[in-house]
Amino acid sequence: MVSFAKMGVFEQAVKLPIIETKELALLLCGLEPYMKIKDIPAEMIAEFKTYKNHIERCLYALDLRYHNNVHADIMFVIAYPLLDENNTPEPVKNRALKAMIRFTRTQKWREMLYTIGGDELLEIGIELSKSQRGQYKKDEEQVNIYKMTGILLKLLAKKQGNAYGTVDNPNIATIKREIDDLAKAHSLSLNGLSKSSFYEKAKIALSYTLD
């Protein structure tokens, strides 16, 4: 993991828990968030003012107009419909998407999205909410697969014993060698199951049998 101090200015900005209106408007312009107003390039002043005005009006609609600092999730949700595919920095786009997804897990998110961006933003929120439910189901299925794999590793250790280890501590190295021999003898594909990958997946699978 890259330390905060070594991150780029945009990566740092999207990590902050609160953000100011001016800072967000500058980020949407692709400019450093702490830039002074007088230093904004002349050709971007109008764009900056447009973003800033929009953000302020959204905050006013949410009764947050006079708050100097607002929780970053709310600010990046406001930013979401303002993102520009070509000009908005990638960290800002990613942060806005995460904020939208988090927002759809809160109470009254439909009303708030409608207040911020009308039907268009509400529809985006609804679609994100649906896709996240589908993702949750996939994640749950993945957990179950890992758990089943972990139990099978323990069962193999129990049945074979000796070099295969014990139920509490299956010998993954021995099991991997046997799997390689089996795959070679029966022309089975081991794509994606290198030694390191197998060890990592086996470790994860076994961890899911402990809960």
N, C-alpha and C. Protein backbone atom coordinates (compact mmCIF):
# COMPACT_ATOMS: atom_id res chain seq x y z
N MET A 1 0.84 -1.19 0.00
CA MET A 1 0.00 0.00 0.00
C MET A 1 0.88 1.25 0.00
N VAL A 2 0.56 2.20 -0.88
CA VAL A 2 1.31 3.44 -0.96
C VAL A 2 0.94 4.34 0.22
N SER A 3 1.94 4.90 0.88
CA SER A 3 1.66 5.78 2.02
C SER A 3 0.96 7.04 1.54
N PHE A 4 0.18 7.65 2.43
CA PHE A 4 -0.59 8.85 2.08
C PHE A 4 0.33 9.95 1.56
N ALA A 5 1.48 10.11 2.20
CA ALA A 5 2.40 11.19 1.82
C ALA A 5 2.96 11.02 0.41
N LYS A 6 3.01 9.77 -0.08
CA LYS A 6 3.57 9.51 -1.40
C LYS A 6 2.51 9.46 -2.49
N MET A 7 1.24 9.62 -2.12
CA MET A 7 0.17 9.62 -3.12
C MET A 7 0.18 10.93 -3.90
N GLY A 8 -0.42 10.90 -5.08
CA GLY A 8 -0.59 12.12 -5.85
C GLY A 8 -1.63 13.01 -5.19
N VAL A 9 -1.71 14.26 -5.62
CA VAL A 9 -2.61 15.21 -4.98
C VAL A 9 -4.07 14.80 -5.10
N PHE A 10 -4.45 14.17 -6.22
CA PHE A 10 -5.84 13.74 -6.39
C PHE A 10 -6.15 12.53 -5.52
N GLU A 11 -5.19 11.60 -5.44
CA GLU A 11 -5.37 10.43 -4.59
C GLU A 11 -5.52 10.84 -3.13
N GLN A 12 -4.74 11.83 -2.71
CA GLN A 12 -4.84 12.32 -1.33
C GLN A 12 -6.20 12.98 -1.09
N ALA A 13 -6.64 13.78 -2.04
CA ALA A 13 -7.89 14.52 -1.87
C ALA A 13 -9.09 13.61 -1.67
N VAL A 14 -9.12 12.49 -2.41
CA VAL A 14 -10.29 11.61 -2.31
C VAL A 14 -10.26 10.74 -1.06
N LYS A 15 -9.17 10.80 -0.31
CA LYS A 15 -9.07 10.06 0.95
C LYS A 15 -9.58 10.87 2.14
N LEU A 16 -9.77 12.17 1.94
CA LEU A 16 -10.16 13.04 3.04
C LEU A 16 -11.61 12.79 3.47
N PRO A 17 -11.89 12.85 4.77
CA PRO A 17 -13.25 12.58 5.26
C PRO A 17 -14.23 13.72 5.02
N ILE A 18 -13.70 14.95 4.90
CA ILE A 18 -14.55 16.10 4.59
C ILE A 18 -13.88 16.90 3.48
N ILE A 19 -14.69 17.66 2.75
CA ILE A 19 -14.14 18.42 1.63
C ILE A 19 -14.96 19.69 1.44
N GLU A 20 -14.30 20.76 1.06
CA GLU A 20 -14.96 22.04 0.87
C GLU A 20 -15.51 22.17 -0.54
N THR A 21 -16.47 23.08 -0.70
CA THR A 21 -17.07 23.34 -2.00
C THR A 21 -16.02 23.75 -3.03
N LYS A 22 -15.16 24.67 -2.65
CA LYS A 22 -14.12 25.15 -3.57
C LYS A 22 -13.19 24.01 -3.97
N GLU A 23 -12.83 23.17 -3.02
CA GLU A 23 -11.93 22.06 -3.30
C GLU A 23 -12.54 21.09 -4.30
N LEU A 24 -13.82 20.79 -4.11
CA LEU A 24 -14.49 19.86 -5.02
C LEU A 24 -14.61 20.45 -6.42
N ALA A 25 -14.93 21.73 -6.50
CA ALA A 25 -15.05 22.39 -7.80
C ALA A 25 -13.71 22.36 -8.54
N LEU A 26 -12.63 22.56 -7.81
CA LEU A 26 -11.30 22.51 -8.42
C LEU A 26 -10.97 21.10 -8.90
N LEU A 27 -11.33 20.10 -8.10
CA LEU A 27 -11.09 18.71 -8.50
C LEU A 27 -11.83 18.37 -9.78
N LEU A 28 -13.06 18.85 -9.89
CA LEU A 28 -13.86 18.58 -11.08
C LEU A 28 -13.26 19.26 -12.31
N CYS A 29 -12.51 20.33 -12.08
CA CYS A 29 -11.81 21.01 -13.18
C CYS A 29 -10.49 20.32 -13.52
N GLY A 30 -10.12 19.33 -12.71
CA GLY A 30 -8.84 18.67 -12.91
C GLY A 30 -7.69 19.46 -12.34
N LEU A 31 -8.00 20.36 -11.39
CA LEU A 31 -6.99 21.21 -10.78
C LEU A 31 -6.73 20.78 -9.34
N GLU A 32 -5.58 21.19 -8.81
CA GLU A 32 -5.25 20.85 -7.43
C GLU A 32 -6.27 21.50 -6.49
N PRO A 33 -6.77 20.75 -5.52
CA PRO A 33 -7.87 21.24 -4.69
C PRO A 33 -7.53 22.41 -3.77
N TYR A 34 -6.24 22.64 -3.54
CA TYR A 34 -5.84 23.71 -2.63
C TYR A 34 -5.35 24.96 -3.37
N MET A 35 -5.56 24.97 -4.67
CA MET A 35 -5.16 26.11 -5.48
C MET A 35 -5.94 27.36 -5.08
N LYS A 36 -5.27 28.49 -5.05
CA LYS A 36 -5.94 29.75 -4.76
C LYS A 36 -6.76 30.20 -5.96
N ILE A 37 -7.86 30.88 -5.70
CA ILE A 37 -8.75 31.32 -6.77
C ILE A 37 -7.98 32.14 -7.81
N LYS A 38 -7.11 33.00 -7.35
CA LYS A 38 -6.37 33.89 -8.26
C LYS A 38 -5.41 33.13 -9.17
N ASP A 39 -5.11 31.87 -8.80
CA ASP A 39 -4.17 31.08 -9.60
C ASP A 39 -4.86 30.17 -10.61
N ILE A 40 -6.18 30.15 -10.61
CA ILE A 40 -6.91 29.31 -11.57
C ILE A 40 -6.68 29.86 -12.98
N PRO A 41 -6.32 29.01 -13.94
CA PRO A 41 -6.11 29.48 -15.31
C PRO A 41 -7.34 30.22 -15.83
N ALA A 42 -7.12 31.29 -16.55
CA ALA A 42 -8.22 32.14 -17.03
C ALA A 42 -9.26 31.35 -17.81
N GLU A 43 -8.79 30.40 -18.61
CA GLU A 43 -9.73 29.64 -19.44
C GLU A 43 -10.59 28.66 -18.64
N MET A 44 -10.30 28.50 -17.36
CA MET A 44 -11.05 27.55 -16.54
C MET A 44 -11.88 28.23 -15.45
N ILE A 45 -11.80 29.53 -15.37
CA ILE A 45 -12.56 30.26 -14.35
C ILE A 45 -14.06 30.02 -14.49
N ALA A 46 -14.57 30.12 -15.70
CA ALA A 46 -16.01 29.95 -15.93
C ALA A 46 -16.45 28.54 -15.53
N GLU A 47 -15.65 27.55 -15.89
CA GLU A 47 -15.97 26.16 -15.54
C GLU A 47 -15.97 25.98 -14.03
N PHE A 48 -14.97 26.54 -13.37
CA PHE A 48 -14.88 26.46 -11.92
C PHE A 48 -16.11 27.08 -11.27
N LYS A 49 -16.50 28.26 -11.72
CA LYS A 49 -17.66 28.95 -11.15
C LYS A 49 -18.94 28.16 -11.36
N THR A 50 -19.05 27.52 -12.53
CA THR A 50 -20.24 26.70 -12.82
C THR A 50 -20.34 25.54 -11.84
N TYR A 51 -19.24 24.83 -11.66
CA TYR A 51 -19.23 23.71 -10.72
C TYR A 51 -19.53 24.18 -9.30
N LYS A 52 -18.87 25.25 -8.89
CA LYS A 52 -19.03 25.76 -7.53
C LYS A 52 -20.48 26.18 -7.28
N ASN A 53 -21.08 26.85 -8.24
CA ASN A 53 -22.47 27.28 -8.11
C ASN A 53 -23.41 26.08 -7.99
N HIS A 54 -23.16 25.06 -8.81
CA HIS A 54 -24.01 23.86 -8.78
C HIS A 54 -23.90 23.16 -7.42
N ILE A 55 -22.69 23.01 -6.94
CA ILE A 55 -22.47 22.34 -5.65
C ILE A 55 -23.16 23.11 -4.53
N GLU A 56 -23.01 24.43 -4.53
CA GLU A 56 -23.63 25.26 -3.49
C GLU A 56 -25.14 25.14 -3.50
N ARG A 57 -25.74 25.08 -4.68
CA ARG A 57 -27.20 24.97 -4.77
C ARG A 57 -27.68 23.60 -4.29
N CYS A 58 -26.88 22.56 -4.57
CA CYS A 58 -27.23 21.23 -4.07
C CYS A 58 -27.17 21.20 -2.55
N LEU A 59 -26.14 21.81 -1.98
CA LEU A 59 -26.01 21.87 -0.53
C LEU A 59 -27.16 22.66 0.08
N TYR A 60 -27.56 23.71 -0.60
CA TYR A 60 -28.69 24.52 -0.13
C TYR A 60 -29.95 23.67 -0.11
N ALA A 61 -30.14 22.87 -1.16
CA ALA A 61 -31.32 22.01 -1.25
C ALA A 61 -31.32 20.95 -0.15
N LEU A 62 -30.14 20.58 0.31
CA LEU A 62 -30.01 19.58 1.38
C LEU A 62 -29.91 20.22 2.76
N ASP A 63 -30.14 21.53 2.82
CA ASP A 63 -30.03 22.29 4.08
C ASP A 63 -28.62 22.24 4.65
N LEU A 64 -27.64 22.19 3.78
CA LEU A 64 -26.24 22.17 4.21
C LEU A 64 -25.47 23.38 3.68
N ARG A 65 -26.21 24.36 3.22
CA ARG A 65 -25.60 25.51 2.53
C ARG A 65 -24.54 26.22 3.37
N TYR A 66 -24.76 26.36 4.66
CA TYR A 66 -23.87 27.17 5.48
C TYR A 66 -22.83 26.34 6.24
N HIS A 67 -22.66 25.09 5.82
CA HIS A 67 -21.62 24.25 6.41
C HIS A 67 -20.33 24.44 5.60
N ASN A 68 -19.27 24.85 6.25
CA ASN A 68 -18.01 25.05 5.54
C ASN A 68 -17.42 23.74 5.05
N ASN A 69 -17.54 22.71 5.86
CA ASN A 69 -17.01 21.39 5.50
C ASN A 69 -18.14 20.37 5.55
N VAL A 70 -18.24 19.58 4.50
CA VAL A 70 -19.31 18.59 4.40
C VAL A 70 -18.68 17.22 4.20
N HIS A 71 -19.32 16.19 4.76
CA HIS A 71 -18.81 14.82 4.63
C HIS A 71 -18.53 14.50 3.16
N ALA A 72 -17.39 13.91 2.90
CA ALA A 72 -16.94 13.67 1.54
C ALA A 72 -17.92 12.84 0.72
N ASP A 73 -18.58 11.87 1.33
CA ASP A 73 -19.53 11.05 0.57
C ASP A 73 -20.62 11.91 -0.05
N ILE A 74 -21.17 12.83 0.73
CA ILE A 74 -22.23 13.71 0.21
C ILE A 74 -21.69 14.57 -0.92
N MET A 75 -20.50 15.11 -0.73
CA MET A 75 -19.92 15.98 -1.74
C MET A 75 -19.64 15.24 -3.05
N PHE A 76 -19.15 14.01 -2.94
CA PHE A 76 -18.84 13.27 -4.16
C PHE A 76 -20.09 12.72 -4.84
N VAL A 77 -21.16 12.54 -4.09
CA VAL A 77 -22.45 12.21 -4.71
C VAL A 77 -22.93 13.40 -5.53
N ILE A 78 -22.79 14.59 -4.98
CA ILE A 78 -23.14 15.81 -5.73
C ILE A 78 -22.28 15.91 -6.99
N ALA A 79 -21.03 15.49 -6.88
CA ALA A 79 -20.11 15.58 -8.01
C ALA A 79 -20.41 14.56 -9.11
N TYR A 80 -21.06 13.46 -8.76
CA TYR A 80 -21.21 12.35 -9.70
C TYR A 80 -21.79 12.77 -11.05
N PRO A 81 -22.93 13.49 -11.09
CA PRO A 81 -23.48 13.86 -12.40
C PRO A 81 -22.66 14.94 -13.12
N LEU A 82 -21.65 15.48 -12.46
CA LEU A 82 -20.82 16.52 -13.05
C LEU A 82 -19.52 15.97 -13.64
N LEU A 83 -19.29 14.69 -13.47
CA LEU A 83 -18.04 14.09 -13.94
C LEU A 83 -17.91 14.21 -15.45
N ASP A 84 -16.69 14.47 -15.89
CA ASP A 84 -16.39 14.57 -17.31
C ASP A 84 -15.46 13.41 -17.69
N GLU A 85 -15.87 12.64 -18.66
CA GLU A 85 -15.13 11.44 -19.03
C GLU A 85 -13.68 11.74 -19.38
N ASN A 86 -13.45 12.89 -20.00
CA ASN A 86 -12.11 13.21 -20.48
C ASN A 86 -11.28 14.04 -19.50
N ASN A 87 -11.94 14.91 -18.75
CA ASN A 87 -11.19 15.87 -17.93
C ASN A 87 -11.12 15.56 -16.44
N THR A 88 -12.11 14.84 -15.92
CA THR A 88 -12.11 14.55 -14.49
C THR A 88 -11.03 13.52 -14.16
N PRO A 89 -10.18 13.79 -13.18
CA PRO A 89 -9.14 12.82 -12.79
C PRO A 89 -9.76 11.48 -12.38
N GLU A 90 -9.10 10.39 -12.72
CA GLU A 90 -9.62 9.05 -12.41
C GLU A 90 -9.91 8.85 -10.93
N PRO A 91 -9.03 9.27 -10.02
CA PRO A 91 -9.34 9.08 -8.59
C PRO A 91 -10.64 9.75 -8.18
N VAL A 92 -10.95 10.89 -8.79
CA VAL A 92 -12.18 11.61 -8.47
C VAL A 92 -13.39 10.84 -9.00
N LYS A 93 -13.27 10.32 -10.22
CA LYS A 93 -14.38 9.53 -10.79
C LYS A 93 -14.64 8.28 -9.95
N ASN A 94 -13.58 7.60 -9.57
CA ASN A 94 -13.73 6.39 -8.76
C ASN A 94 -14.33 6.69 -7.39
N ARG A 95 -13.89 7.80 -6.80
CA ARG A 95 -14.41 8.17 -5.48
C ARG A 95 -15.88 8.53 -5.56
N ALA A 96 -16.28 9.21 -6.62
CA ALA A 96 -17.69 9.58 -6.78
C ALA A 96 -18.56 8.33 -6.94
N LEU A 97 -18.06 7.35 -7.68
CA LEU A 97 -18.82 6.11 -7.85
C LEU A 97 -18.97 5.38 -6.52
N LYS A 98 -17.90 5.32 -5.75
CA LYS A 98 -17.97 4.67 -4.43
C LYS A 98 -18.96 5.39 -3.52
N ALA A 99 -18.96 6.71 -3.60
CA ALA A 99 -19.88 7.49 -2.78
C ALA A 99 -21.33 7.19 -3.16
N MET A 100 -21.59 7.07 -4.45
CA MET A 100 -22.94 6.75 -4.91
C MET A 100 -23.37 5.38 -4.39
N ILE A 101 -22.48 4.41 -4.47
CA ILE A 101 -22.80 3.06 -4.02
C ILE A 101 -23.08 3.06 -2.52
N ARG A 102 -22.25 3.75 -1.75
CA ARG A 102 -22.47 3.84 -0.31
C ARG A 102 -23.79 4.54 0.00
N PHE A 103 -24.09 5.56 -0.77
CA PHE A 103 -25.30 6.34 -0.53
C PHE A 103 -26.55 5.48 -0.67
N THR A 104 -26.53 4.54 -1.61
CA THR A 104 -27.71 3.71 -1.84
C THR A 104 -27.93 2.70 -0.72
N ARG A 105 -27.03 2.67 0.25
CA ARG A 105 -27.19 1.78 1.41
C ARG A 105 -27.69 2.53 2.64
N THR A 106 -27.95 3.82 2.47
CA THR A 106 -28.41 4.63 3.59
C THR A 106 -29.92 4.82 3.53
N GLN A 107 -30.48 5.34 4.62
CA GLN A 107 -31.91 5.61 4.65
C GLN A 107 -32.22 6.85 3.81
N LYS A 108 -33.37 6.84 3.19
CA LYS A 108 -33.87 7.98 2.42
C LYS A 108 -32.94 8.40 1.28
N TRP A 109 -32.16 7.44 0.77
CA TRP A 109 -31.24 7.79 -0.31
C TRP A 109 -31.96 8.20 -1.58
N ARG A 110 -33.13 7.62 -1.82
CA ARG A 110 -33.89 7.98 -3.02
C ARG A 110 -34.28 9.46 -3.00
N GLU A 111 -34.80 9.91 -1.85
CA GLU A 111 -35.21 11.30 -1.73
C GLU A 111 -34.02 12.24 -1.90
N MET A 112 -32.89 11.87 -1.31
CA MET A 112 -31.71 12.73 -1.37
C MET A 112 -31.13 12.80 -2.78
N LEU A 113 -31.09 11.66 -3.47
CA LEU A 113 -30.58 11.68 -4.84
C LEU A 113 -31.49 12.48 -5.75
N TYR A 114 -32.80 12.37 -5.54
CA TYR A 114 -33.74 13.14 -6.35
C TYR A 114 -33.55 14.64 -6.09
N THR A 115 -33.33 14.99 -4.84
CA THR A 115 -33.10 16.40 -4.48
C THR A 115 -31.84 16.93 -5.15
N ILE A 116 -30.80 16.11 -5.19
CA ILE A 116 -29.52 16.54 -5.75
C ILE A 116 -29.54 16.59 -7.27
N GLY A 117 -30.10 15.54 -7.88
CA GLY A 117 -29.98 15.43 -9.34
C GLY A 117 -31.22 15.05 -10.09
N GLY A 118 -32.38 15.10 -9.44
CA GLY A 118 -33.62 14.81 -10.13
C GLY A 118 -33.75 13.36 -10.56
N ASP A 119 -34.61 13.12 -11.54
CA ASP A 119 -34.89 11.76 -12.01
C ASP A 119 -33.63 11.06 -12.54
N GLU A 120 -32.78 11.82 -13.22
CA GLU A 120 -31.59 11.22 -13.84
C GLU A 120 -30.67 10.59 -12.80
N LEU A 121 -30.36 11.34 -11.75
CA LEU A 121 -29.47 10.80 -10.72
C LEU A 121 -30.16 9.71 -9.92
N LEU A 122 -31.45 9.85 -9.71
CA LEU A 122 -32.20 8.82 -8.99
C LEU A 122 -32.16 7.50 -9.75
N GLU A 123 -32.34 7.55 -11.07
CA GLU A 123 -32.29 6.33 -11.88
C GLU A 123 -30.91 5.68 -11.81
N ILE A 124 -29.88 6.49 -11.83
CA ILE A 124 -28.52 5.95 -11.71
C ILE A 124 -28.36 5.25 -10.37
N GLY A 125 -28.86 5.88 -9.31
CA GLY A 125 -28.79 5.27 -7.98
C GLY A 125 -29.54 3.96 -7.91
N ILE A 126 -30.71 3.90 -8.53
CA ILE A 126 -31.51 2.67 -8.53
C ILE A 126 -30.75 1.55 -9.24
N GLU A 127 -30.14 1.86 -10.39
CA GLU A 127 -29.39 0.85 -11.13
C GLU A 127 -28.17 0.37 -10.33
N LEU A 128 -27.49 1.30 -9.67
CA LEU A 128 -26.33 0.92 -8.85
C LEU A 128 -26.76 0.04 -7.69
N SER A 129 -27.91 0.36 -7.11
CA SER A 129 -28.43 -0.43 -5.99
C SER A 129 -28.73 -1.85 -6.43
N LYS A 130 -29.32 -1.99 -7.61
CA LYS A 130 -29.63 -3.32 -8.15
C LYS A 130 -28.36 -4.11 -8.41
N SER A 131 -27.37 -3.46 -9.02
CA SER A 131 -26.13 -4.16 -9.36
C SER A 131 -25.37 -4.57 -8.11
N GLN A 132 -25.46 -3.76 -7.04
CA GLN A 132 -24.78 -4.10 -5.80
C GLN A 132 -25.43 -5.29 -5.11
N ARG A 133 -26.76 -5.40 -5.24
CA ARG A 133 -27.44 -6.58 -4.68
C ARG A 133 -26.97 -7.83 -5.40
N GLY A 134 -26.80 -7.70 -6.72
CA GLY A 134 -26.29 -8.84 -7.49
C GLY A 134 -24.87 -9.18 -7.11
N GLN A 135 -24.06 -8.14 -6.87
CA GLN A 135 -22.67 -8.35 -6.48
C GLN A 135 -22.59 -9.01 -5.11
N TYR A 136 -23.49 -8.60 -4.20
CA TYR A 136 -23.51 -9.21 -2.86
C TYR A 136 -23.80 -10.70 -2.97
N LYS A 137 -24.73 -11.06 -3.86
CA LYS A 137 -25.06 -12.47 -4.03
C LYS A 137 -23.86 -13.24 -4.56
N LYS A 138 -23.13 -12.63 -5.52
CA LYS A 138 -21.93 -13.28 -6.06
C LYS A 138 -20.87 -13.45 -4.98
N ASP A 139 -20.70 -12.42 -4.16
CA ASP A 139 -19.71 -12.50 -3.07
C ASP A 139 -20.08 -13.60 -2.09
N GLU A 140 -21.37 -13.72 -1.79
CA GLU A 140 -21.83 -14.75 -0.86
C GLU A 140 -21.57 -16.14 -1.44
N GLU A 141 -21.80 -16.29 -2.74
CA GLU A 141 -21.55 -17.57 -3.40
C GLU A 141 -20.06 -17.90 -3.37
N GLN A 142 -19.21 -16.88 -3.55
CA GLN A 142 -17.77 -17.09 -3.52
C GLN A 142 -17.31 -17.57 -2.14
N VAL A 143 -17.89 -16.98 -1.10
CA VAL A 143 -17.58 -17.40 0.27
C VAL A 143 -17.95 -18.86 0.47
N ASN A 144 -19.11 -19.25 -0.02
CA ASN A 144 -19.56 -20.64 0.13
C ASN A 144 -18.64 -21.61 -0.61
N ILE A 145 -18.15 -21.19 -1.78
CA ILE A 145 -17.23 -22.04 -2.54
C ILE A 145 -15.92 -22.21 -1.77
N TYR A 146 -15.41 -21.12 -1.22
CA TYR A 146 -14.19 -21.19 -0.41
C TYR A 146 -14.39 -22.11 0.79
N LYS A 147 -15.53 -21.96 1.44
CA LYS A 147 -15.81 -22.77 2.63
C LYS A 147 -15.87 -24.25 2.27
N MET A 148 -16.54 -24.57 1.16
CA MET A 148 -16.63 -25.96 0.72
C MET A 148 -15.24 -26.51 0.39
N THR A 149 -14.41 -25.70 -0.28
CA THR A 149 -13.05 -26.13 -0.63
C THR A 149 -12.23 -26.39 0.63
N GLY A 150 -12.35 -25.51 1.61
CA GLY A 150 -11.62 -25.70 2.86
C GLY A 150 -12.01 -26.98 3.57
N ILE A 151 -13.31 -27.26 3.58
CA ILE A 151 -13.80 -28.49 4.22
C ILE A 151 -13.30 -29.73 3.48
N LEU A 152 -13.26 -29.66 2.14
CA LEU A 152 -12.75 -30.78 1.35
C LEU A 152 -11.26 -31.02 1.62
N LEU A 153 -10.50 -29.95 1.79
CA LEU A 153 -9.08 -30.10 2.13
C LEU A 153 -8.92 -30.80 3.47
N LYS A 154 -9.73 -30.43 4.43
CA LYS A 154 -9.69 -31.06 5.75
C LYS A 154 -10.13 -32.52 5.67
N LEU A 155 -11.15 -32.78 4.85
CA LEU A 155 -11.64 -34.15 4.68
C LEU A 155 -10.55 -35.03 4.07
N LEU A 156 -9.85 -34.49 3.07
CA LEU A 156 -8.76 -35.23 2.43
C LEU A 156 -7.66 -35.55 3.44
N ALA A 157 -7.33 -34.58 4.28
CA ALA A 157 -6.30 -34.81 5.30
C ALA A 157 -6.74 -35.88 6.29
N LYS A 158 -8.02 -35.87 6.63
CA LYS A 158 -8.54 -36.85 7.58
C LYS A 158 -8.53 -38.25 6.98
N LYS A 159 -8.94 -38.37 5.73
CA LYS A 159 -9.04 -39.68 5.09
C LYS A 159 -7.67 -40.27 4.77
N GLN A 160 -6.74 -39.41 4.32
CA GLN A 160 -5.44 -39.90 3.89
C GLN A 160 -4.41 -39.92 5.02
N GLY A 161 -4.47 -38.87 5.88
CA GLY A 161 -3.55 -38.81 7.01
C GLY A 161 -2.09 -38.74 6.59
N ASN A 162 -1.20 -39.00 7.52
CA ASN A 162 0.24 -39.02 7.28
C ASN A 162 0.72 -37.76 6.54
N ALA A 163 1.20 -37.94 5.30
CA ALA A 163 1.78 -36.82 4.56
C ALA A 163 0.75 -35.73 4.23
N TYR A 164 -0.53 -36.08 4.30
CA TYR A 164 -1.58 -35.10 3.98
C TYR A 164 -1.90 -34.19 5.16
N GLY A 165 -1.25 -34.43 6.28
CA GLY A 165 -1.45 -33.59 7.45
C GLY A 165 -2.64 -34.04 8.28
N THR A 166 -3.20 -33.11 9.02
CA THR A 166 -4.34 -33.40 9.90
C THR A 166 -5.52 -32.51 9.54
N VAL A 167 -6.65 -32.80 10.16
CA VAL A 167 -7.84 -31.97 9.93
C VAL A 167 -7.55 -30.52 10.31
N ASP A 168 -6.85 -30.33 11.40
CA ASP A 168 -6.54 -28.98 11.86
C ASP A 168 -5.46 -28.30 11.03
N ASN A 169 -4.62 -29.11 10.38
CA ASN A 169 -3.50 -28.54 9.62
C ASN A 169 -3.18 -29.39 8.39
N PRO A 170 -4.02 -29.29 7.35
CA PRO A 170 -3.76 -30.06 6.13
C PRO A 170 -2.43 -29.65 5.50
N ASN A 171 -1.72 -30.61 4.93
CA ASN A 171 -0.43 -30.33 4.28
C ASN A 171 -0.70 -29.90 2.84
N ILE A 172 -0.72 -28.60 2.62
CA ILE A 172 -1.08 -28.06 1.31
C ILE A 172 -0.06 -28.43 0.25
N ALA A 173 1.22 -28.49 0.61
CA ALA A 173 2.27 -28.81 -0.36
C ALA A 173 2.06 -30.21 -0.93
N THR A 174 1.78 -31.17 -0.05
CA THR A 174 1.54 -32.55 -0.50
C THR A 174 0.29 -32.63 -1.36
N ILE A 175 -0.76 -31.98 -0.93
CA ILE A 175 -2.02 -32.00 -1.69
C ILE A 175 -1.81 -31.38 -3.07
N LYS A 176 -1.04 -30.31 -3.15
CA LYS A 176 -0.78 -29.66 -4.44
C LYS A 176 -0.02 -30.60 -5.36
N ARG A 177 0.98 -31.31 -4.85
CA ARG A 177 1.73 -32.26 -5.69
C ARG A 177 0.83 -33.35 -6.22
N GLU A 178 -0.07 -33.85 -5.37
CA GLU A 178 -0.99 -34.90 -5.80
C GLU A 178 -1.96 -34.39 -6.87
N ILE A 179 -2.39 -33.16 -6.70
CA ILE A 179 -3.29 -32.55 -7.69
C ILE A 179 -2.57 -32.39 -9.03
N ASP A 180 -1.31 -31.97 -8.99
CA ASP A 180 -0.52 -31.83 -10.22
C ASP A 180 -0.39 -33.18 -10.93
N ASP A 181 -0.12 -34.23 -10.16
CA ASP A 181 0.00 -35.57 -10.74
C ASP A 181 -1.33 -36.01 -11.35
N LEU A 182 -2.42 -35.75 -10.64
CA LEU A 182 -3.75 -36.12 -11.14
C LEU A 182 -4.06 -35.38 -12.44
N ALA A 183 -3.76 -34.09 -12.46
CA ALA A 183 -4.04 -33.28 -13.65
C ALA A 183 -3.23 -33.76 -14.85
N LYS A 184 -1.97 -34.11 -14.59
CA LYS A 184 -1.12 -34.60 -15.67
C LYS A 184 -1.60 -35.93 -16.21
N ALA A 185 -2.01 -36.81 -15.32
CA ALA A 185 -2.45 -38.15 -15.73
C ALA A 185 -3.77 -38.12 -16.49
N HIS A 186 -4.63 -37.16 -16.18
CA HIS A 186 -5.97 -37.13 -16.79
C HIS A 186 -6.21 -35.89 -17.65
N SER A 187 -5.12 -35.21 -18.02
CA SER A 187 -5.21 -34.03 -18.90
C SER A 187 -6.21 -32.99 -18.38
N LEU A 188 -6.10 -32.69 -17.10
CA LEU A 188 -6.98 -31.69 -16.49
C LEU A 188 -6.29 -30.32 -16.51
N SER A 189 -7.06 -29.29 -16.71
CA SER A 189 -6.50 -27.94 -16.76
C SER A 189 -6.20 -27.41 -15.36
N LEU A 190 -5.02 -26.82 -15.22
CA LEU A 190 -4.64 -26.18 -13.96
C LEU A 190 -4.38 -24.68 -14.18
N ASN A 191 -4.98 -24.14 -15.22
CA ASN A 191 -4.83 -22.71 -15.49
C ASN A 191 -5.31 -21.90 -14.29
N GLY A 192 -4.49 -20.95 -13.86
CA GLY A 192 -4.86 -20.12 -12.71
C GLY A 192 -4.53 -20.75 -11.38
N LEU A 193 -3.91 -21.93 -11.41
CA LEU A 193 -3.58 -22.62 -10.16
C LEU A 193 -2.08 -22.91 -10.07
N SER A 194 -1.29 -21.87 -10.19
CA SER A 194 0.14 -22.02 -9.98
C SER A 194 0.36 -22.36 -8.51
N LYS A 195 1.58 -22.71 -8.17
CA LYS A 195 1.87 -23.11 -6.79
C LYS A 195 1.50 -22.00 -5.80
N SER A 196 1.93 -20.79 -6.10
CA SER A 196 1.65 -19.68 -5.18
C SER A 196 0.15 -19.37 -5.12
N SER A 197 -0.51 -19.44 -6.28
CA SER A 197 -1.95 -19.17 -6.32
C SER A 197 -2.72 -20.23 -5.55
N PHE A 198 -2.31 -21.48 -5.70
CA PHE A 198 -2.98 -22.58 -5.00
C PHE A 198 -2.82 -22.41 -3.49
N TYR A 199 -1.60 -22.10 -3.06
CA TYR A 199 -1.35 -21.92 -1.62
C TYR A 199 -2.22 -20.79 -1.06
N GLU A 200 -2.29 -19.70 -1.82
CA GLU A 200 -3.07 -18.54 -1.36
C GLU A 200 -4.55 -18.89 -1.26
N LYS A 201 -5.08 -19.55 -2.30
CA LYS A 201 -6.50 -19.92 -2.30
C LYS A 201 -6.81 -20.95 -1.21
N ALA A 202 -5.89 -21.89 -1.01
CA ALA A 202 -6.09 -22.90 0.03
C ALA A 202 -6.11 -22.25 1.41
N LYS A 203 -5.22 -21.29 1.61
CA LYS A 203 -5.17 -20.58 2.90
C LYS A 203 -6.48 -19.84 3.16
N ILE A 204 -6.98 -19.17 2.13
CA ILE A 204 -8.25 -18.45 2.26
C ILE A 204 -9.39 -19.43 2.53
N ALA A 205 -9.40 -20.53 1.77
CA ALA A 205 -10.46 -21.53 1.92
C ALA A 205 -10.50 -22.09 3.34
N LEU A 206 -9.34 -22.40 3.88
CA LEU A 206 -9.27 -22.94 5.24
C LEU A 206 -9.72 -21.91 6.28
N SER A 207 -9.43 -20.65 6.01
CA SER A 207 -9.83 -19.61 6.97
C SER A 207 -11.35 -19.50 7.08
N TYR A 208 -12.06 -19.81 5.99
CA TYR A 208 -13.52 -19.71 6.00
C TYR A 208 -14.18 -20.87 6.76
N THR A 209 -13.41 -21.89 7.12
CA THR A 209 -13.98 -22.99 7.90
C THR A 209 -13.94 -22.70 9.39
N LEU A 210 -13.37 -21.58 9.77
CA LEU A 210 -13.19 -21.27 11.20
C LEU A 210 -14.33 -20.45 11.78
N ASP A 211 -15.20 -19.87 10.92
CA ASP A 211 -16.26 -19.03 11.47
C ASP A 211 -17.50 -19.84 11.79
